[in-house]
Amino acid sequence: MEMEEYARVIDFLPDGRAVDREREPVAQLMGEKYFTIFEVSIKRGTAIALGQRLYIGKDAREHVEKIRRRIEYDELTATARNELPLVVKNIIHDREQEFVMMFNKAGPISIRLHQLELLPGIGKKHLKEMLEARETKPFESFKDMQARVPLLPDPVNLIQTRISDELTGTTKNFLFVRPPAKNREEYGYGR
């Protein structure tokens, strides 16, 4: 299974958590590819900022000592929950072409449901307009989508809302977020 290479800081606790036996700098991070949420140990003496991009791959890491564990939405700190929407929007903007490609290639899930209908604000009418517009010419950007599909809500907000729904576990289909692990070791994090 492919793992996250980079993540964004959604909270930094320079003195660690009060409940930890060993107090060490801790951060909560969101992966850029699968929106996986992690808790990591930060190297002592390292200053990091909210929203900062950190390498968390298998090679030598500049800021991260170790990945402690994958966490779920309900384990986030208040700061992380507040920072999350902004960080998600920044990731969406940075990966705009990938998301636009998803709009161009999305297909039906079943006879009655299309992938694009999983996005809040996309009903049968918008779906029909989007499919007709992309058939004429693939979408090139979010701006292009909004120009060619009348009254389409902001695609960034649609994606961000869907990612939030997937992170909080209020959905059974996953478009963007890696589904929750059945057990903590399932994805090989904790190294």
Protein backbone atom coordinates (compact mmCIF):
# COMPACT_ATOMS: atom_id res chain seq x y z
CA MET A 1 0.00 0.00 0.00
CA GLU A 2 1.31 3.40 -0.97
CA MET A 3 2.11 5.63 1.98
CA GLU A 4 2.07 9.38 2.51
CA GLU A 5 5.30 11.18 1.62
CA TYR A 6 4.41 14.70 2.75
CA ALA A 7 2.04 16.08 5.35
CA ARG A 8 0.93 19.47 6.64
CA VAL A 9 1.04 20.53 10.28
CA ILE A 10 -2.42 21.02 11.78
CA ASP A 11 -1.22 21.35 15.40
CA PHE A 12 2.10 21.53 17.21
CA LEU A 13 2.51 20.78 20.91
CA PRO A 14 6.12 21.80 21.73
CA ASP A 15 5.88 20.25 25.22
CA GLY A 16 3.89 17.22 24.13
CA ARG A 17 0.65 16.00 25.59
CA ALA A 18 0.03 16.32 29.33
CA VAL A 19 -0.99 12.64 29.46
CA ASP A 20 2.25 11.31 27.93
CA ARG A 21 4.79 9.65 30.23
CA GLU A 22 7.71 10.94 28.20
CA ARG A 23 7.20 14.57 27.26
CA GLU A 24 8.45 15.27 23.76
CA PRO A 25 7.41 17.70 21.02
CA VAL A 26 4.38 16.31 19.20
CA ALA A 27 2.53 17.40 16.08
CA GLN A 28 -0.66 16.38 14.40
CA LEU A 29 -0.32 16.21 10.62
CA MET A 30 -2.54 15.68 7.61
CA GLY A 31 -1.13 13.72 4.67
CA GLU A 32 -1.25 15.49 1.31
CA LYS A 33 -2.16 12.50 -0.87
CA TYR A 34 -4.77 10.52 1.10
CA PHE A 35 -5.65 13.07 3.81
CA THR A 36 -4.45 10.61 6.45
CA ILE A 37 -4.17 12.12 9.93
CA PHE A 38 -1.06 11.33 11.99
CA GLU A 39 0.46 12.10 15.33
CA VAL A 40 4.25 12.40 15.10
CA SER A 41 7.19 13.09 17.38
CA ILE A 42 9.12 16.17 16.32
CA LYS A 43 12.89 16.35 16.73
CA ARG A 44 13.84 18.35 19.82
CA GLY A 45 14.88 21.93 19.12
CA THR A 46 12.93 22.00 15.85
CA ALA A 47 10.47 24.83 15.35
CA ILE A 48 7.54 24.14 13.07
CA ALA A 49 4.51 26.22 12.11
CA LEU A 50 0.86 25.48 11.45
CA GLY A 51 0.32 24.63 7.79
CA GLN A 52 4.01 23.83 7.24
CA ARG A 53 4.78 21.01 4.80
CA LEU A 54 6.91 18.21 6.30
CA TYR A 55 8.49 15.14 4.73
CA ILE A 56 7.28 11.97 6.47
CA GLY A 57 8.48 9.33 3.98
CA LYS A 58 10.90 6.48 4.64
CA ASP A 59 14.12 8.42 3.97
CA ALA A 60 15.85 10.73 6.45
CA ARG A 61 13.43 13.29 7.84
CA GLU A 62 14.47 16.80 8.73
CA HIS A 63 11.77 17.59 11.31
CA VAL A 64 9.98 14.36 12.19
CA GLU A 65 11.63 11.97 14.67
CA LYS A 66 9.03 9.23 14.22
CA ILE A 67 5.44 8.67 13.24
CA ARG A 68 3.70 7.71 16.47
CA ARG A 69 0.41 6.57 15.02
CA ARG A 70 -2.40 7.19 12.63
CA ILE A 71 -5.26 8.96 14.39
CA GLU A 72 -8.92 9.50 13.68
CA TYR A 73 -10.79 12.80 13.48
CA ASP A 74 -12.19 12.53 17.00
CA GLU A 75 -8.63 12.38 18.40
CA LEU A 76 -7.68 15.79 16.95
CA THR A 77 -6.97 18.70 19.25
CA ALA A 78 -9.21 21.77 19.10
CA THR A 79 -6.46 23.65 17.25
CA ALA A 80 -6.11 20.84 14.69
CA ARG A 81 -9.88 20.80 14.07
CA ASN A 82 -9.84 24.56 13.50
CA GLU A 83 -6.80 24.42 11.22
CA LEU A 84 -8.02 21.43 9.21
CA PRO A 85 -10.35 23.22 6.71
CA LEU A 86 -7.66 25.75 5.77
CA VAL A 87 -5.00 23.07 5.34
CA VAL A 88 -7.36 20.94 3.24
CA LYS A 89 -8.16 23.93 1.00
CA ASN A 90 -4.44 24.65 0.56
CA ILE A 91 -3.81 21.03 -0.44
CA ILE A 92 -6.72 21.16 -2.91
CA HIS A 93 -5.34 24.35 -4.49
CA ASP A 94 -1.84 22.83 -4.69
CA ARG A 95 -3.24 19.69 -6.36
CA GLU A 96 -5.82 21.48 -8.53
CA GLN A 97 -4.94 19.59 -11.72
CA GLU A 98 -5.42 16.20 -10.02
CA PHE A 99 -8.84 17.21 -8.72
CA VAL A 100 -9.88 18.69 -12.07
CA MET A 101 -8.83 15.39 -13.67
CA MET A 102 -11.06 13.58 -11.16
CA PHE A 103 -14.02 15.71 -12.36
CA ASN A 104 -13.11 14.83 -15.95
CA LYS A 105 -12.79 11.08 -15.35
CA ALA A 106 -15.38 10.37 -12.60
CA GLY A 107 -17.88 7.69 -13.51
CA PRO A 108 -20.91 5.89 -12.15
CA ILE A 109 -20.74 3.94 -8.89
CA SER A 110 -24.00 2.14 -9.60
CA ILE A 111 -26.96 2.43 -11.94
CA ARG A 112 -28.44 5.17 -9.74
CA LEU A 113 -25.36 6.94 -8.37
CA HIS A 114 -22.46 8.79 -10.01
CA GLN A 115 -19.19 9.62 -8.20
CA LEU A 116 -19.77 13.34 -8.70
CA GLU A 117 -23.10 13.08 -6.86
CA LEU A 118 -21.14 12.21 -3.71
CA LEU A 119 -20.01 15.83 -3.63
CA PRO A 120 -22.42 17.95 -1.56
CA GLY A 121 -24.23 20.39 -3.82
CA ILE A 122 -24.07 18.16 -6.93
CA GLY A 123 -27.49 16.80 -7.82
CA LYS A 124 -28.87 15.30 -10.99
CA LYS A 125 -29.14 18.71 -12.72
CA HIS A 126 -25.53 19.77 -12.03
CA LEU A 127 -24.36 16.26 -12.86
CA LYS A 128 -26.04 16.37 -16.27
CA GLU A 129 -24.58 19.84 -17.00
CA MET A 130 -21.08 18.73 -15.90
CA LEU A 131 -21.15 15.56 -17.98
CA GLU A 132 -22.29 17.48 -21.07
CA ALA A 133 -19.65 20.20 -20.56
CA ARG A 134 -16.79 17.73 -20.09
CA GLU A 135 -17.93 15.72 -23.12
CA THR A 136 -17.54 18.85 -25.26
CA LYS A 137 -14.09 19.57 -23.82
CA PRO A 138 -12.38 18.35 -20.62
CA PHE A 139 -12.25 20.87 -17.79
CA GLU A 140 -8.92 22.67 -17.48
CA SER A 141 -9.28 24.30 -14.05
CA PHE A 142 -11.77 25.03 -11.28
CA LYS A 143 -12.35 28.42 -12.86
CA ASP A 144 -13.11 26.78 -16.20
CA MET A 145 -15.61 24.44 -14.50
CA GLN A 146 -17.47 27.34 -12.92
CA ALA A 147 -17.50 29.29 -16.19
CA ARG A 148 -18.94 26.37 -18.18
CA VAL A 149 -21.41 24.96 -15.64
CA PRO A 150 -23.93 27.64 -14.61
CA LEU A 151 -24.55 28.04 -10.86
CA LEU A 152 -21.98 25.37 -9.95
CA PRO A 153 -20.89 25.87 -6.33
CA ASP A 154 -17.17 26.53 -5.75
CA PRO A 155 -15.43 23.19 -6.55
CA VAL A 156 -12.83 23.76 -3.79
CA ASN A 157 -15.60 24.07 -1.19
CA LEU A 158 -17.37 20.99 -2.60
CA ILE A 159 -14.19 18.91 -2.31
CA GLN A 160 -13.27 20.34 1.11
CA THR A 161 -16.75 19.57 2.49
CA ARG A 162 -16.62 16.03 1.08
CA ILE A 163 -13.17 15.45 2.61
CA SER A 164 -14.49 16.69 5.99
CA ASP A 165 -17.43 14.28 5.72
CA GLU A 166 -15.07 11.41 4.94
CA LEU A 167 -12.72 12.32 7.80
CA THR A 168 -15.52 12.50 10.36
CA GLY A 169 -16.87 9.13 9.27
CA THR A 170 -20.28 10.40 8.16
CA THR A 171 -20.06 8.61 4.81
CA LYS A 172 -19.66 5.05 3.56
CA ASN A 173 -18.07 5.86 0.18
CA PHE A 174 -14.58 7.34 0.05
CA LEU A 175 -13.46 9.50 -2.88
CA PHE A 176 -10.47 11.31 -1.37
CA VAL A 177 -9.61 10.01 2.11
CA ARG A 178 -8.01 6.68 2.89
CA PRO A 179 -10.73 4.70 4.71
CA PRO A 180 -10.22 4.23 8.46
CA ALA A 181 -7.88 1.40 9.43
CA LYS A 182 -9.55 -1.64 10.91
CA ASN A 183 -6.58 -1.97 13.21
CA ARG A 184 -3.71 0.38 13.92
CA GLU A 185 -1.04 -1.71 12.14
CA GLU A 186 -2.99 -2.06 8.89
CA TYR A 187 -1.14 0.74 7.06
CA GLY A 188 2.33 0.22 8.46
CA TYR A 189 2.56 3.52 10.33
CA GLY A 190 4.20 3.72 13.73
CA ARG A 191 7.78 3.64 12.55
